[in-house]
């Protein structure tokens, strides 16, 4: 019979997680967990920004009287990225695209391709801004349905997207239970006032990172222009 005693490395990792806090952008760290497939649900949501105006897309539920960011459950066989774009389109009517941002994420870059004879070995284009469309947040929500014997964790991956200056929301994209949803394209300060809780935090950080990325891009462009002068 194999022992269930944790290895020294896993024990050390668990201890460190309890002692070392996460960044100020996150809530507290969670203990190591293991959830079976009937105990969690994966979803995806999106903060949609219109760069030309700085406005933000929110959806209003006429039945329950609240504003929210487009989000929903991932379908079987669908990637999280596909789910984020689909839900954004279904609930808001806008066909958003991912907005690359200078995110301080922890994901590794893909492996370098094999070297080609006569070319520099393993070279990648310079990427000083580290632009990516990785999730900006992950949120969890404990859901309980009286028809089930147990609750489940609803895990949402939050992305940032954008729409063009001339974008117009399409009609007929909403599901049957979403017919009371109304799309609003609002100035940021108005959107921030209307969102509460976790989604308000997601919006604020997404908008902050977008502005930071714009500043980095402007500074990089100025440096390049000075080098060429």
C-alpha atoms as a PDB file:
ATOM      1  CA  UNK A   1       0.000   0.000   0.000  1.00  0.00           C
ATOM      2  CA  UNK A   2       1.406   3.372  -0.990  1.00  0.00           C
ATOM      3  CA  UNK A   3       1.728   6.088   1.606  1.00  0.00           C
ATOM      4  CA  UNK A   4      -0.415   9.238   1.341  1.00  0.00           C
ATOM      5  CA  UNK A   5       2.163  11.272   3.237  1.00  0.00           C
ATOM      6  CA  UNK A   6       3.092  14.350   1.165  1.00  0.00           C
ATOM      7  CA  UNK A   7       6.588  14.691  -0.190  1.00  0.00           C
ATOM      8  CA  UNK A   8       8.860  17.314   1.280  1.00  0.00           C
ATOM      9  CA  UNK A   9       8.400  19.535  -1.767  1.00  0.00           C
ATOM     10  CA  UNK A  10       4.591  19.449  -1.662  1.00  0.00           C
ATOM     11  CA  UNK A  11       4.557  19.966   2.089  1.00  0.00           C
ATOM     12  CA  UNK A  12       6.879  22.932   1.708  1.00  0.00           C
ATOM     13  CA  UNK A  13       4.679  24.359  -1.039  1.00  0.00           C
ATOM     14  CA  UNK A  14       1.555  24.111   1.117  1.00  0.00           C
ATOM     15  CA  UNK A  15       3.291  25.766   4.042  1.00  0.00           C
ATOM     16  CA  UNK A  16       4.586  28.580   1.857  1.00  0.00           C
ATOM     17  CA  UNK A  17       1.120  29.231   0.463  1.00  0.00           C
ATOM     18  CA  UNK A  18      -0.176  29.770   3.988  1.00  0.00           C
ATOM     19  CA  UNK A  19       2.679  32.051   5.018  1.00  0.00           C
ATOM     20  CA  UNK A  20       3.216  34.128   1.878  1.00  0.00           C
ATOM     21  CA  UNK A  21       0.276  36.327   0.795  1.00  0.00           C
ATOM     22  CA  UNK A  22      -0.761  36.946  -2.782  1.00  0.00           C
ATOM     23  CA  UNK A  23      -0.463  40.400  -4.331  1.00  0.00           C
ATOM     24  CA  UNK A  24      -2.700  43.281  -3.314  1.00  0.00           C
ATOM     25  CA  UNK A  25      -4.663  42.726  -6.537  1.00  0.00           C
ATOM     26  CA  UNK A  26      -6.061  39.415  -5.267  1.00  0.00           C
ATOM     27  CA  UNK A  27      -8.038  38.041  -2.356  1.00  0.00           C
ATOM     28  CA  UNK A  28      -6.398  35.603   0.055  1.00  0.00           C
ATOM     29  CA  UNK A  29      -4.704  32.416  -1.126  1.00  0.00           C
ATOM     30  CA  UNK A  30      -6.661  29.157  -0.996  1.00  0.00           C
ATOM     31  CA  UNK A  31      -5.535  25.924   0.579  1.00  0.00           C
ATOM     32  CA  UNK A  32      -4.568  23.139  -1.824  1.00  0.00           C
ATOM     33  CA  UNK A  33      -7.851  21.671  -3.093  1.00  0.00           C
ATOM     34  CA  UNK A  34      -9.132  18.869  -5.299  1.00  0.00           C
ATOM     35  CA  UNK A  35     -12.571  19.125  -6.917  1.00  0.00           C
ATOM     36  CA  UNK A  36     -14.319  16.376  -8.887  1.00  0.00           C
ATOM     37  CA  UNK A  37     -16.029  17.315 -12.166  1.00  0.00           C
ATOM     38  CA  UNK A  38     -19.522  17.456 -10.627  1.00  0.00           C
ATOM     39  CA  UNK A  39     -18.298  19.970  -8.056  1.00  0.00           C
ATOM     40  CA  UNK A  40     -17.130  22.742 -10.388  1.00  0.00           C
ATOM     41  CA  UNK A  41     -18.334  24.657 -13.423  1.00  0.00           C
ATOM     42  CA  UNK A  42     -16.055  26.583 -15.791  1.00  0.00           C
ATOM     43  CA  UNK A  43     -17.079  29.885 -17.311  1.00  0.00           C
ATOM     44  CA  UNK A  44     -15.585  32.872 -19.087  1.00  0.00           C
ATOM     45  CA  UNK A  45     -16.304  36.586 -19.045  1.00  0.00           C
ATOM     46  CA  UNK A  46     -14.998  39.711 -20.727  1.00  0.00           C
ATOM     47  CA  UNK A  47     -14.373  43.379 -20.041  1.00  0.00           C
ATOM     48  CA  UNK A  48     -15.088  45.050 -23.405  1.00  0.00           C
ATOM     49  CA  UNK A  49     -13.406  48.412 -24.017  1.00  0.00           C
ATOM     50  CA  UNK A  50     -13.852  50.740 -26.976  1.00  0.00           C
ATOM     51  CA  UNK A  51     -10.343  52.239 -27.280  1.00  0.00           C
ATOM     52  CA  UNK A  52     -11.445  55.101 -29.549  1.00  0.00           C
ATOM     53  CA  UNK A  53     -13.807  56.496 -26.895  1.00  0.00           C
ATOM     54  CA  UNK A  54     -12.569  54.862 -23.697  1.00  0.00           C
ATOM     55  CA  UNK A  55     -16.078  53.567 -23.063  1.00  0.00           C
ATOM     56  CA  UNK A  56     -16.969  50.192 -21.563  1.00  0.00           C
ATOM     57  CA  UNK A  57     -19.711  47.699 -22.443  1.00  0.00           C
ATOM     58  CA  UNK A  58     -22.089  46.695 -19.641  1.00  0.00           C
ATOM     59  CA  UNK A  59     -25.273  44.643 -19.797  1.00  0.00           C
ATOM     60  CA  UNK A  60     -28.366  45.459 -17.730  1.00  0.00           C
ATOM     61  CA  UNK A  61     -30.796  42.784 -16.547  1.00  0.00           C
ATOM     62  CA  UNK A  62     -34.278  44.313 -16.672  1.00  0.00           C
ATOM     63  CA  UNK A  63     -35.740  41.521 -14.538  1.00  0.00           C
ATOM     64  CA  UNK A  64     -33.278  41.536 -11.630  1.00  0.00           C
ATOM     65  CA  UNK A  65     -32.315  45.213 -12.061  1.00  0.00           C
ATOM     66  CA  UNK A  66     -28.529  45.122 -12.061  1.00  0.00           C
ATOM     67  CA  UNK A  67     -25.565  45.741 -14.383  1.00  0.00           C
ATOM     68  CA  UNK A  68     -22.950  43.092 -15.156  1.00  0.00           C
ATOM     69  CA  UNK A  69     -20.082  42.147 -17.454  1.00  0.00           C
ATOM     70  CA  UNK A  70     -20.865  39.607 -20.193  1.00  0.00           C
ATOM     71  CA  UNK A  71     -20.038  36.112 -18.982  1.00  0.00           C
ATOM     72  CA  UNK A  72     -21.321  32.568 -19.021  1.00  0.00           C
ATOM     73  CA  UNK A  73     -20.632  28.860 -18.898  1.00  0.00           C
ATOM     74  CA  UNK A  74     -18.164  27.119 -21.177  1.00  0.00           C
ATOM     75  CA  UNK A  75     -19.739  24.537 -23.486  1.00  0.00           C
ATOM     76  CA  UNK A  76     -18.388  20.985 -23.786  1.00  0.00           C
ATOM     77  CA  UNK A  77     -15.441  20.924 -26.200  1.00  0.00           C
ATOM     78  CA  UNK A  78     -15.163  24.710 -26.235  1.00  0.00           C
ATOM     79  CA  UNK A  79     -12.015  26.529 -25.153  1.00  0.00           C
ATOM     80  CA  UNK A  80     -12.181  29.250 -22.526  1.00  0.00           C
ATOM     81  CA  UNK A  81     -11.161  31.823 -25.125  1.00  0.00           C
ATOM     82  CA  UNK A  82     -13.952  30.711 -27.457  1.00  0.00           C
ATOM     83  CA  UNK A  83     -16.420  30.846 -24.586  1.00  0.00           C
ATOM     84  CA  UNK A  84     -15.376  34.397 -23.670  1.00  0.00           C
ATOM     85  CA  UNK A  85     -15.903  35.669 -27.224  1.00  0.00           C
ATOM     86  CA  UNK A  86     -19.172  33.775 -27.646  1.00  0.00           C
ATOM     87  CA  UNK A  87     -20.658  34.979 -24.358  1.00  0.00           C
ATOM     88  CA  UNK A  88     -19.584  38.550 -25.096  1.00  0.00           C
ATOM     89  CA  UNK A  89     -21.395  38.373 -28.428  1.00  0.00           C
ATOM     90  CA  UNK A  90     -24.501  36.578 -27.150  1.00  0.00           C
ATOM     91  CA  UNK A  91     -25.134  38.818 -24.161  1.00  0.00           C
ATOM     92  CA  UNK A  92     -24.005  42.206 -25.507  1.00  0.00           C
ATOM     93  CA  UNK A  93     -24.491  41.824 -29.250  1.00  0.00           C
ATOM     94  CA  UNK A  94     -20.974  43.140 -29.909  1.00  0.00           C
ATOM     95  CA  UNK A  95     -18.399  41.050 -31.789  1.00  0.00           C
ATOM     96  CA  UNK A  96     -15.446  41.764 -29.546  1.00  0.00           C
ATOM     97  CA  UNK A  97     -11.845  40.784 -30.166  1.00  0.00           C
ATOM     98  CA  UNK A  98      -9.153  40.102 -27.594  1.00  0.00           C
ATOM     99  CA  UNK A  99      -7.231  43.204 -26.505  1.00  0.00           C
ATOM    100  CA  UNK A 100      -3.512  42.413 -26.034  1.00  0.00           C
ATOM    101  CA  UNK A 101      -2.238  43.999 -22.838  1.00  0.00           C
ATOM    102  CA  UNK A 102       1.043  44.284 -20.985  1.00  0.00           C
ATOM    103  CA  UNK A 103       0.044  41.789 -18.298  1.00  0.00           C
ATOM    104  CA  UNK A 104       2.336  40.638 -15.459  1.00  0.00           C
ATOM    105  CA  UNK A 105       1.120  37.046 -15.892  1.00  0.00           C
ATOM    106  CA  UNK A 106       3.085  33.966 -14.846  1.00  0.00           C
ATOM    107  CA  UNK A 107       2.554  31.857 -17.977  1.00  0.00           C
ATOM    108  CA  UNK A 108       5.747  30.720 -19.784  1.00  0.00           C
ATOM    109  CA  UNK A 109       6.426  31.692 -23.363  1.00  0.00           C
ATOM    110  CA  UNK A 110       6.109  28.878 -25.936  1.00  0.00           C
ATOM    111  CA  UNK A 111       9.232  26.829 -26.694  1.00  0.00           C
ATOM    112  CA  UNK A 112      11.583  28.187 -29.328  1.00  0.00           C
ATOM    113  CA  UNK A 113      11.459  26.575 -32.781  1.00  0.00           C
ATOM    114  CA  UNK A 114      14.418  24.460 -33.955  1.00  0.00           C
ATOM    115  CA  UNK A 115      17.222  26.499 -35.469  1.00  0.00           C
ATOM    116  CA  UNK A 116      17.442  26.752 -39.271  1.00  0.00           C
ATOM    117  CA  UNK A 117      20.844  26.364 -40.964  1.00  0.00           C
ATOM    118  CA  UNK A 118      22.238  29.758 -41.831  1.00  0.00           C
ATOM    119  CA  UNK A 119      19.977  31.626 -39.416  1.00  0.00           C
ATOM    120  CA  UNK A 120      20.609  32.735 -35.820  1.00  0.00           C
ATOM    121  CA  UNK A 121      19.735  29.955 -33.430  1.00  0.00           C
ATOM    122  CA  UNK A 122      16.523  30.177 -31.443  1.00  0.00           C
ATOM    123  CA  UNK A 123      15.761  33.845 -31.972  1.00  0.00           C
ATOM    124  CA  UNK A 124      12.407  35.422 -31.185  1.00  0.00           C
ATOM    125  CA  UNK A 125      11.169  38.888 -32.119  1.00  0.00           C
ATOM    126  CA  UNK A 126      11.724  41.461 -29.404  1.00  0.00           C
ATOM    127  CA  UNK A 127       8.660  41.961 -27.232  1.00  0.00           C
ATOM    128  CA  UNK A 128       9.465  44.664 -24.667  1.00  0.00           C
ATOM    129  CA  UNK A 129       5.798  45.120 -23.751  1.00  0.00           C
ATOM    130  CA  UNK A 130       5.082  41.394 -23.278  1.00  0.00           C
ATOM    131  CA  UNK A 131       1.642  41.842 -24.822  1.00  0.00           C
ATOM    132  CA  UNK A 132      -0.755  38.953 -24.354  1.00  0.00           C
ATOM    133  CA  UNK A 133      -4.430  38.074 -24.145  1.00  0.00           C
ATOM    134  CA  UNK A 134      -4.130  35.833 -21.089  1.00  0.00           C
ATOM    135  CA  UNK A 135      -6.897  36.007 -18.459  1.00  0.00           C
ATOM    136  CA  UNK A 136      -6.559  39.061 -16.237  1.00  0.00           C
ATOM    137  CA  UNK A 137      -8.475  37.447 -13.357  1.00  0.00           C
ATOM    138  CA  UNK A 138      -9.994  34.188 -12.190  1.00  0.00           C
ATOM    139  CA  UNK A 139     -12.957  34.384  -9.827  1.00  0.00           C
ATOM    140  CA  UNK A 140     -14.783  31.690  -7.887  1.00  0.00           C
ATOM    141  CA  UNK A 141     -18.352  31.689  -6.668  1.00  0.00           C
ATOM    142  CA  UNK A 142     -19.961  29.008  -4.514  1.00  0.00           C
ATOM    143  CA  UNK A 143     -23.300  28.122  -6.102  1.00  0.00           C
ATOM    144  CA  UNK A 144     -26.045  26.005  -4.576  1.00  0.00           C
ATOM    145  CA  UNK A 145     -29.070  24.584  -6.358  1.00  0.00           C
ATOM    146  CA  UNK A 146     -31.768  23.144  -4.059  1.00  0.00           C
ATOM    147  CA  UNK A 147     -32.405  20.413  -6.634  1.00  0.00           C
ATOM    148  CA  UNK A 148     -28.856  19.133  -6.138  1.00  0.00           C
ATOM    149  CA  UNK A 149     -27.521  17.466  -3.021  1.00  0.00           C
ATOM    150  CA  UNK A 150     -24.311  19.440  -3.072  1.00  0.00           C
ATOM    151  CA  UNK A 151     -23.035  22.882  -4.006  1.00  0.00           C
ATOM    152  CA  UNK A 152     -20.452  23.575  -6.704  1.00  0.00           C
ATOM    153  CA  UNK A 153     -17.732  26.107  -7.451  1.00  0.00           C
ATOM    154  CA  UNK A 154     -18.355  28.387 -10.430  1.00  0.00           C
ATOM    155  CA  UNK A 155     -14.896  29.328 -11.754  1.00  0.00           C
ATOM    156  CA  UNK A 156     -14.815  32.243 -14.205  1.00  0.00           C
ATOM    157  CA  UNK A 157     -11.817  33.231 -16.335  1.00  0.00           C
ATOM    158  CA  UNK A 158     -11.913  36.952 -17.134  1.00  0.00           C
ATOM    159  CA  UNK A 159     -10.485  38.342 -20.375  1.00  0.00           C
ATOM    160  CA  UNK A 160     -10.215  41.838 -21.839  1.00  0.00           C
ATOM    161  CA  UNK A 161     -11.559  42.589 -25.302  1.00  0.00           C
ATOM    162  CA  UNK A 162     -12.239  45.563 -27.535  1.00  0.00           C
ATOM    163  CA  UNK A 163     -14.665  46.816 -30.164  1.00  0.00           C
ATOM    164  CA  UNK A 164     -14.041  49.178 -33.060  1.00  0.00           C
ATOM    165  CA  UNK A 165     -15.140  52.806 -33.176  1.00  0.00           C
ATOM    166  CA  UNK A 166     -18.037  52.028 -35.529  1.00  0.00           C
ATOM    167  CA  UNK A 167     -19.170  48.850 -33.751  1.00  0.00           C
ATOM    168  CA  UNK A 168     -22.928  48.355 -33.432  1.00  0.00           C
ATOM    169  CA  UNK A 169     -24.535  45.646 -31.258  1.00  0.00           C
ATOM    170  CA  UNK A 170     -26.321  42.986 -33.300  1.00  0.00           C
ATOM    171  CA  UNK A 171     -29.920  42.009 -32.664  1.00  0.00           C
ATOM    172  CA  UNK A 172     -31.113  38.469 -32.003  1.00  0.00           C
ATOM    173  CA  UNK A 173     -27.970  37.170 -30.305  1.00  0.00           C
ATOM    174  CA  UNK A 174     -29.403  36.552 -26.828  1.00  0.00           C
ATOM    175  CA  UNK A 175     -30.603  33.205 -25.485  1.00  0.00           C
ATOM    176  CA  UNK A 176     -34.242  32.671 -24.456  1.00  0.00           C
ATOM    177  CA  UNK A 177     -33.573  33.540 -20.806  1.00  0.00           C
ATOM    178  CA  UNK A 178     -31.562  36.640 -21.784  1.00  0.00           C
ATOM    179  CA  UNK A 179     -34.257  38.565 -23.649  1.00  0.00           C
ATOM    180  CA  UNK A 180     -34.456  41.111 -20.825  1.00  0.00           C
ATOM    181  CA  UNK A 181     -30.782  42.064 -21.217  1.00  0.00           C
ATOM    182  CA  UNK A 182     -30.040  45.578 -22.490  1.00  0.00           C
ATOM    183  CA  UNK A 183     -26.581  46.586 -23.735  1.00  0.00           C
ATOM    184  CA  UNK A 184     -25.011  49.879 -22.634  1.00  0.00           C
ATOM    185  CA  UNK A 185     -21.805  51.523 -23.887  1.00  0.00           C
ATOM    186  CA  UNK A 186     -20.837  53.778 -20.993  1.00  0.00           C
ATOM    187  CA  UNK A 187     -18.054  56.175 -20.038  1.00  0.00           C
ATOM    188  CA  UNK A 188     -15.702  54.441 -17.629  1.00  0.00           C
ATOM    189  CA  UNK A 189     -16.711  56.412 -14.529  1.00  0.00           C
ATOM    190  CA  UNK A 190     -20.379  55.560 -15.121  1.00  0.00           C
ATOM    191  CA  UNK A 191     -19.595  51.879 -15.662  1.00  0.00           C
ATOM    192  CA  UNK A 192     -17.510  51.788 -12.488  1.00  0.00           C
ATOM    193  CA  UNK A 193     -20.378  53.281 -10.476  1.00  0.00           C
ATOM    194  CA  UNK A 194     -22.781  50.625 -11.722  1.00  0.00           C
ATOM    195  CA  UNK A 195     -20.641  47.541 -11.081  1.00  0.00           C
ATOM    196  CA  UNK A 196     -20.203  46.144  -7.577  1.00  0.00           C
ATOM    197  CA  UNK A 197     -18.329  43.297  -5.938  1.00  0.00           C
ATOM    198  CA  UNK A 198     -15.870  41.125  -7.833  1.00  0.00           C
ATOM    199  CA  UNK A 199     -16.904  42.415 -11.244  1.00  0.00           C
ATOM    200  CA  UNK A 200     -16.221  45.977 -10.177  1.00  0.00           C
ATOM    201  CA  UNK A 201     -12.688  44.959  -9.206  1.00  0.00           C
ATOM    202  CA  UNK A 202     -12.196  43.178 -12.531  1.00  0.00           C
ATOM    203  CA  UNK A 203     -13.315  46.277 -14.444  1.00  0.00           C
ATOM    204  CA  UNK A 204     -11.078  48.650 -12.483  1.00  0.00           C
ATOM    205  CA  UNK A 205      -7.954  46.537 -12.913  1.00  0.00           C
ATOM    206  CA  UNK A 206      -8.635  45.862 -16.605  1.00  0.00           C
ATOM    207  CA  UNK A 207      -9.036  49.582 -17.293  1.00  0.00           C
ATOM    208  CA  UNK A 208      -5.913  50.386 -15.290  1.00  0.00           C
ATOM    209  CA  UNK A 209      -3.815  47.829 -17.186  1.00  0.00           C
ATOM    210  CA  UNK A 210      -5.186  49.093 -20.502  1.00  0.00           C
ATOM    211  CA  UNK A 211      -4.131  52.658 -19.663  1.00  0.00           C
ATOM    212  CA  UNK A 212      -0.719  51.431 -18.524  1.00  0.00           C
ATOM    213  CA  UNK A 213      -0.286  49.501 -21.767  1.00  0.00           C
ATOM    214  CA  UNK A 214      -1.178  52.600 -23.798  1.00  0.00           C
ATOM    215  CA  UNK A 215       1.424  54.614 -21.903  1.00  0.00           C
ATOM    216  CA  UNK A 216       4.089  51.940 -22.465  1.00  0.00           C
ATOM    217  CA  UNK A 217       3.276  51.866 -26.183  1.00  0.00           C
ATOM    218  CA  UNK A 218       3.534  55.644 -26.459  1.00  0.00           C
ATOM    219  CA  UNK A 219       6.875  55.678 -24.617  1.00  0.00           C
ATOM    220  CA  UNK A 220       8.240  52.887 -26.809  1.00  0.00           C
ATOM    221  CA  UNK A 221       7.150  54.703 -29.952  1.00  0.00           C
ATOM    222  CA  UNK A 222       8.891  57.881 -28.782  1.00  0.00           C
ATOM    223  CA  UNK A 223      12.097  55.941 -28.105  1.00  0.00           C
ATOM    224  CA  UNK A 224      11.986  54.366 -31.553  1.00  0.00           C
ATOM    225  CA  UNK A 225      11.397  57.738 -33.212  1.00  0.00           C
ATOM    226  CA  UNK A 226      14.360  59.230 -31.327  1.00  0.00           C
ATOM    227  CA  UNK A 227      16.599  56.351 -32.421  1.00  0.00           C
ATOM    228  CA  UNK A 228      15.612  56.883 -36.057  1.00  0.00           C
ATOM    229  CA  UNK A 229      16.074  60.668 -35.919  1.00  0.00           C
END
